[in-house]
């Protein structure tokens, strides 16, 4: 593994020797490649996750990206966004139980203060993970963090970038990452790890950041509010009395209102029918109702036909529940036209995923 790390680093440093000669003029979307080293700490967010005690993972990542330097990109956030993909190899510092992992993520990284050598950057990523040592009742019963080889992965972070030249950059970021199979199979406590990221970036073209005027006010979209009705479906793979794969479905009504730039605020209500809870009630021989209903408030990014949403909810009806009364949702939807949309959504209680659902909806206005 160490030889692989050295080889990747050598290839990055020597890239200028085998890449074609670059034009002096900065293109509108110059390519940037990078190498990063991560040092993390696994969070023990549940008392029965003893395998996480004193685990300090390390990761090595290689990334490819485009720096967006056009006027439209600037007007989106008064910043210069970098958009790309990263592939990283992780050792979880507990090979017998947690094994190793490979994370592949797409990311967006806005740069602020681009007129200075020292830039402020934020980063968010979404993708998947391959995890080598999932839970097994007989061979690996102590791994309660993940039970499938493939999981979803999300990451948020912030830090600084220092421009050594118009092609070379050094950076330090503080990131928070989470992996989960979205409730597809249990156990699924997830891996949660804050990390410090040291990186070297190289642009294949010299970059001169353009000087654009700061956008103070933005033109509102054609429709400043949205009223929608959504159906969602999922499978909750929980082992109950030798049964697995319980169907989950529900409906959501939501109102969203544009508040400026690319942001909107939302309020919603949803009703959830989780048949794993119905089976638990049956085994406990109680008269509880398995239906749940909650109210949610949240924020949305309106990015053309794509919407990225974050919500926090609380149950106002939950006759039977084994989890917290407060929960979160993270979603991504695509509008096929002005009426119909579809997407994916993750429901979680703090650090523990409940289920990952697919949804289709209708927008009234």
Foldseek 3Di string as FASTA:
>chain_A
DVVVVVVVVVCVVCVVVPDDDADQDDDQWFKKKKKKKKWKQWDPPDPLLPLRPPWIKIKIKIWIWIWHQDPVCCLLPVFIKIWTKMWMKMDRRRCQAFNIKIWIWTKIKTWPPLVDQKTKIKMKIKGKMATDHADDVPRHPSHQAHHDRMWIKIKIKIWMWGHPFQFKIKIKMWMWMWIFRFQQAGSHLTTIIIIIMIMMMGTSHRDDRDDDDHDDFDDADPDFKWWKKKKKKFWRADQDPNDGTWIKIKMKIKMWGHDGSQKIKMKMKMKMDTVVQVSVCVVVVDPFDAIWMKIKIWMWGHDDQKIWIKIKIATPDGRDDDADRIKIKTWMKGHPDQFKIWTKMWIGRVSGTRGIIIMIMTIPD
